Amino acid sequence: QVQLVESGGGLVQAGGSLRLSCAASSYTFGNYAMGWFRQAPGKEREFVAAISWSGSSIYYADSVKGRFTTSRGNAITLVYLQMNRLKPEDTAVYYCAAKAGGSAWAIQVRGTEYDYWGQGTQVTVSS
């Protein structure tokens, strides 16, 4: 069982930056592909970014491509999401998710493919 905790959210003005982290509650053994999702009030959860456990494959939603960057961390802080040039429409609760095993280059864009989820961190972008 892997427990994930997101951090780094907050309030920022449009055009600003935030860096989200996703940490495991304890040292993680094995390989985990990671994903970022977000959910705005009144909207469905949507995919933001994904990275394979090796880091060799990365994929972004069109809405964040060129502004957000995800990268691998270590066995405790599993993944980061650097968010630049933030827009008010980026306001949402951001969640990280982990999928155990799989091939070194596999990424997942559907939430149902992930095994573990964090509780989320609020990101609010003011205009």
C-alpha atoms as a PDB file:
ATOM      1  CA  GLN A   1       0.000   0.000   0.000  1.00  0.00           C
ATOM      2  CA  VAL A   2       1.375   3.383  -1.027  1.00  0.00           C
ATOM      3  CA  GLN A   3       0.057   6.562   0.529  1.00  0.00           C
ATOM      4  CA  LEU A   4       0.639   9.702  -1.497  1.00  0.00           C
ATOM      5  CA  VAL A   5       0.723  13.272  -0.255  1.00  0.00           C
ATOM      6  CA  GLU A   6       0.729  16.288  -2.522  1.00  0.00           C
ATOM      7  CA  SER A   7       2.200  19.622  -1.476  1.00  0.00           C
ATOM      8  CA  GLY A   8       3.102  22.963  -3.005  1.00  0.00           C
ATOM      9  CA  GLY A   9      -0.333  24.279  -3.864  1.00  0.00           C
ATOM     10  CA  GLY A  10      -1.468  27.763  -3.015  1.00  0.00           C
ATOM     11  CA  LEU A  11      -2.710  31.095  -4.316  1.00  0.00           C
ATOM     12  CA  VAL A  12      -0.823  32.746  -7.155  1.00  0.00           C
ATOM     13  CA  GLN A  13      -1.482  35.520  -9.634  1.00  0.00           C
ATOM     14  CA  ALA A  14      -1.964  34.787 -13.293  1.00  0.00           C
ATOM     15  CA  GLY A  15       1.390  34.392 -14.986  1.00  0.00           C
ATOM     16  CA  GLY A  16       3.006  33.062 -11.833  1.00  0.00           C
ATOM     17  CA  SER A  17       4.481  29.686 -11.031  1.00  0.00           C
ATOM     18  CA  LEU A  18       4.037  26.884  -8.538  1.00  0.00           C
ATOM     19  CA  ARG A  19       5.824  23.600  -8.020  1.00  0.00           C
ATOM     20  CA  LEU A  20       3.831  20.644  -6.777  1.00  0.00           C
ATOM     21  CA  SER A  21       5.421  17.636  -5.145  1.00  0.00           C
ATOM     22  CA  CYS A  22       4.020  14.174  -4.595  1.00  0.00           C
ATOM     23  CA  ALA A  23       5.601  12.209  -1.788  1.00  0.00           C
ATOM     24  CA  ALA A  24       5.078   8.709  -0.526  1.00  0.00           C
ATOM     25  CA  SER A  25       4.402   8.198   3.177  1.00  0.00           C
ATOM     26  CA  SER A  26       7.336   5.814   3.354  1.00  0.00           C
ATOM     27  CA  TYR A  27      10.165   4.593   1.202  1.00  0.00           C
ATOM     28  CA  THR A  28       8.697   3.006  -1.905  1.00  0.00           C
ATOM     29  CA  PHE A  29       9.952  -0.232  -3.304  1.00  0.00           C
ATOM     30  CA  GLY A  30       9.289  -1.130  -6.882  1.00  0.00           C
ATOM     31  CA  ASN A  31       8.538   0.970  -9.899  1.00  0.00           C
ATOM     32  CA  TYR A  32       5.656   3.382 -10.199  1.00  0.00           C
ATOM     33  CA  ALA A  33       4.428   5.294 -13.184  1.00  0.00           C
ATOM     34  CA  MET A  34       3.006   8.607 -12.007  1.00  0.00           C
ATOM     35  CA  GLY A  35       0.256  10.889 -13.160  1.00  0.00           C
ATOM     36  CA  TRP A  36      -1.202  14.282 -12.340  1.00  0.00           C
ATOM     37  CA  PHE A  37      -4.886  15.070 -12.548  1.00  0.00           C
ATOM     38  CA  ARG A  38      -6.974  18.045 -11.538  1.00  0.00           C
ATOM     39  CA  GLN A  39     -10.569  18.777 -10.732  1.00  0.00           C
ATOM     40  CA  ALA A  40     -12.125  22.218 -10.823  1.00  0.00           C
ATOM     41  CA  PRO A  41     -15.379  23.004  -8.993  1.00  0.00           C
ATOM     42  CA  GLY A  42     -18.336  21.628 -10.873  1.00  0.00           C
ATOM     43  CA  LYS A  43     -16.162  19.837 -13.406  1.00  0.00           C
ATOM     44  CA  GLU A  44     -14.967  16.305 -13.889  1.00  0.00           C
ATOM     45  CA  ARG A  45     -11.466  15.253 -13.025  1.00  0.00           C
ATOM     46  CA  GLU A  46      -9.124  15.708 -15.973  1.00  0.00           C
ATOM     47  CA  PHE A  47      -5.731  14.416 -16.925  1.00  0.00           C
ATOM     48  CA  VAL A  48      -2.820  16.840 -16.679  1.00  0.00           C
ATOM     49  CA  ALA A  49       0.451  14.945 -17.119  1.00  0.00           C
ATOM     50  CA  ALA A  50       1.991  11.488 -16.840  1.00  0.00           C
ATOM     51  CA  ILE A  51       5.503  10.095 -16.603  1.00  0.00           C
ATOM     52  CA  SER A  52       6.702   6.512 -16.858  1.00  0.00           C
ATOM     53  CA  TRP A  53       8.597   4.940 -13.970  1.00  0.00           C
ATOM     54  CA  SER A  54      11.849   5.209 -15.903  1.00  0.00           C
ATOM     55  CA  GLY A  55      11.185   8.804 -16.875  1.00  0.00           C
ATOM     56  CA  SER A  56      11.641   7.901 -20.519  1.00  0.00           C
ATOM     57  CA  SER A  57       8.052   8.728 -21.482  1.00  0.00           C
ATOM     58  CA  ILE A  58       6.190  11.903 -20.606  1.00  0.00           C
ATOM     59  CA  TYR A  59       2.823  13.095 -21.831  1.00  0.00           C
ATOM     60  CA  TYR A  60       0.865  16.293 -21.247  1.00  0.00           C
ATOM     61  CA  ALA A  61      -2.664  17.439 -21.796  1.00  0.00           C
ATOM     62  CA  ASP A  62      -2.880  19.999 -24.575  1.00  0.00           C
ATOM     63  CA  SER A  63      -4.149  22.593 -22.130  1.00  0.00           C
ATOM     64  CA  VAL A  64      -0.870  22.568 -20.167  1.00  0.00           C
ATOM     65  CA  LYS A  65       1.670  21.636 -22.824  1.00  0.00           C
ATOM     66  CA  GLY A  66       4.517  24.118 -22.937  1.00  0.00           C
ATOM     67  CA  ARG A  67       3.662  25.522 -19.495  1.00  0.00           C
ATOM     68  CA  PHE A  68       3.823  22.522 -17.152  1.00  0.00           C
ATOM     69  CA  THR A  69       6.706  20.107 -16.674  1.00  0.00           C
ATOM     70  CA  THR A  70       6.634  16.851 -14.748  1.00  0.00           C
ATOM     71  CA  SER A  71       9.767  15.085 -13.565  1.00  0.00           C
ATOM     72  CA  ARG A  72      10.758  12.103 -11.483  1.00  0.00           C
ATOM     73  CA  GLY A  73      12.027  12.454  -7.945  1.00  0.00           C
ATOM     74  CA  ASN A  74      13.327   9.688  -5.716  1.00  0.00           C
ATOM     75  CA  ALA A  75      11.876   6.852  -3.662  1.00  0.00           C
ATOM     76  CA  ILE A  76      10.209   9.296  -1.257  1.00  0.00           C
ATOM     77  CA  THR A  77       9.312  12.326  -3.354  1.00  0.00           C
ATOM     78  CA  LEU A  78       8.126  10.444  -6.366  1.00  0.00           C
ATOM     79  CA  VAL A  79       7.261  13.173  -8.821  1.00  0.00           C
ATOM     80  CA  TYR A  80       7.108  16.924  -9.338  1.00  0.00           C
ATOM     81  CA  LEU A  81       4.888  19.169 -11.398  1.00  0.00           C
ATOM     82  CA  GLN A  82       6.379  22.544 -12.285  1.00  0.00           C
ATOM     83  CA  MET A  83       3.619  24.899 -13.357  1.00  0.00           C
ATOM     84  CA  ASN A  84       4.587  28.110 -15.151  1.00  0.00           C
ATOM     85  CA  ARG A  85       2.537  30.886 -16.767  1.00  0.00           C
ATOM     86  CA  LEU A  86      -0.451  29.883 -14.715  1.00  0.00           C
ATOM     87  CA  LYS A  87      -3.907  30.931 -15.848  1.00  0.00           C
ATOM     88  CA  PRO A  88      -7.139  31.344 -13.892  1.00  0.00           C
ATOM     89  CA  GLU A  89      -8.490  28.280 -15.683  1.00  0.00           C
ATOM     90  CA  ASP A  90      -5.760  26.222 -14.038  1.00  0.00           C
ATOM     91  CA  THR A  91      -7.533  26.691 -10.711  1.00  0.00           C
ATOM     92  CA  ALA A  92      -8.375  23.254  -9.354  1.00  0.00           C
ATOM     93  CA  VAL A  93      -7.495  20.617  -6.815  1.00  0.00           C
ATOM     94  CA  TYR A  94      -4.468  18.770  -8.142  1.00  0.00           C
ATOM     95  CA  TYR A  95      -3.980  15.074  -7.472  1.00  0.00           C
ATOM     96  CA  CYS A  96      -1.065  12.778  -8.036  1.00  0.00           C
ATOM     97  CA  ALA A  97      -1.569   9.097  -8.757  1.00  0.00           C
ATOM     98  CA  ALA A  98       0.696   6.074  -8.940  1.00  0.00           C
ATOM     99  CA  LYS A  99       0.556   2.872 -10.916  1.00  0.00           C
ATOM    100  CA  ALA A 100       2.688  -0.044  -9.821  1.00  0.00           C
ATOM    101  CA  GLY A 101       4.804  -1.986 -12.266  1.00  0.00           C
ATOM    102  CA  GLY A 102       4.426  -1.944 -16.007  1.00  0.00           C
ATOM    103  CA  SER A 103       6.972  -1.371 -18.705  1.00  0.00           C
ATOM    104  CA  ALA A 104       9.680   1.246 -18.413  1.00  0.00           C
ATOM    105  CA  TRP A 105       8.098   3.470 -21.050  1.00  0.00           C
ATOM    106  CA  ALA A 106       4.381   3.002 -20.250  1.00  0.00           C
ATOM    107  CA  ILE A 107       2.272   5.983 -19.231  1.00  0.00           C
ATOM    108  CA  GLN A 108      -1.394   6.155 -18.287  1.00  0.00           C
ATOM    109  CA  VAL A 109      -3.805   8.965 -19.059  1.00  0.00           C
ATOM    110  CA  ARG A 110      -6.960   7.461 -17.585  1.00  0.00           C
ATOM    111  CA  GLY A 111      -7.563   7.749 -13.890  1.00  0.00           C
ATOM    112  CA  THR A 112      -8.933   4.221 -13.717  1.00  0.00           C
ATOM    113  CA  GLU A 113      -5.503   2.871 -14.637  1.00  0.00           C
ATOM    114  CA  TYR A 114      -3.891   4.098 -11.432  1.00  0.00           C
ATOM    115  CA  ASP A 115      -3.614   2.153  -8.204  1.00  0.00           C
ATOM    116  CA  TYR A 116      -3.017   4.882  -5.626  1.00  0.00           C
ATOM    117  CA  TRP A 117      -4.132   8.478  -5.201  1.00  0.00           C
ATOM    118  CA  GLY A 118      -3.221  11.407  -3.010  1.00  0.00           C
ATOM    119  CA  GLN A 119      -5.698  13.645  -1.215  1.00  0.00           C
ATOM    120  CA  GLY A 120      -5.037  16.611  -3.462  1.00  0.00           C
ATOM    121  CA  THR A 121      -3.665  20.118  -3.101  1.00  0.00           C
ATOM    122  CA  GLN A 122      -5.537  23.294  -3.983  1.00  0.00           C
ATOM    123  CA  VAL A 123      -4.155  25.580  -6.667  1.00  0.00           C
ATOM    124  CA  THR A 124      -5.875  28.929  -7.087  1.00  0.00           C
ATOM    125  CA  VAL A 125      -4.851  31.357  -9.807  1.00  0.00           C
ATOM    126  CA  SER A 126      -6.216  34.881  -9.519  1.00  0.00           C
ATOM    127  CA  SER A 127      -6.716  37.139 -12.529  1.00  0.00           C
END
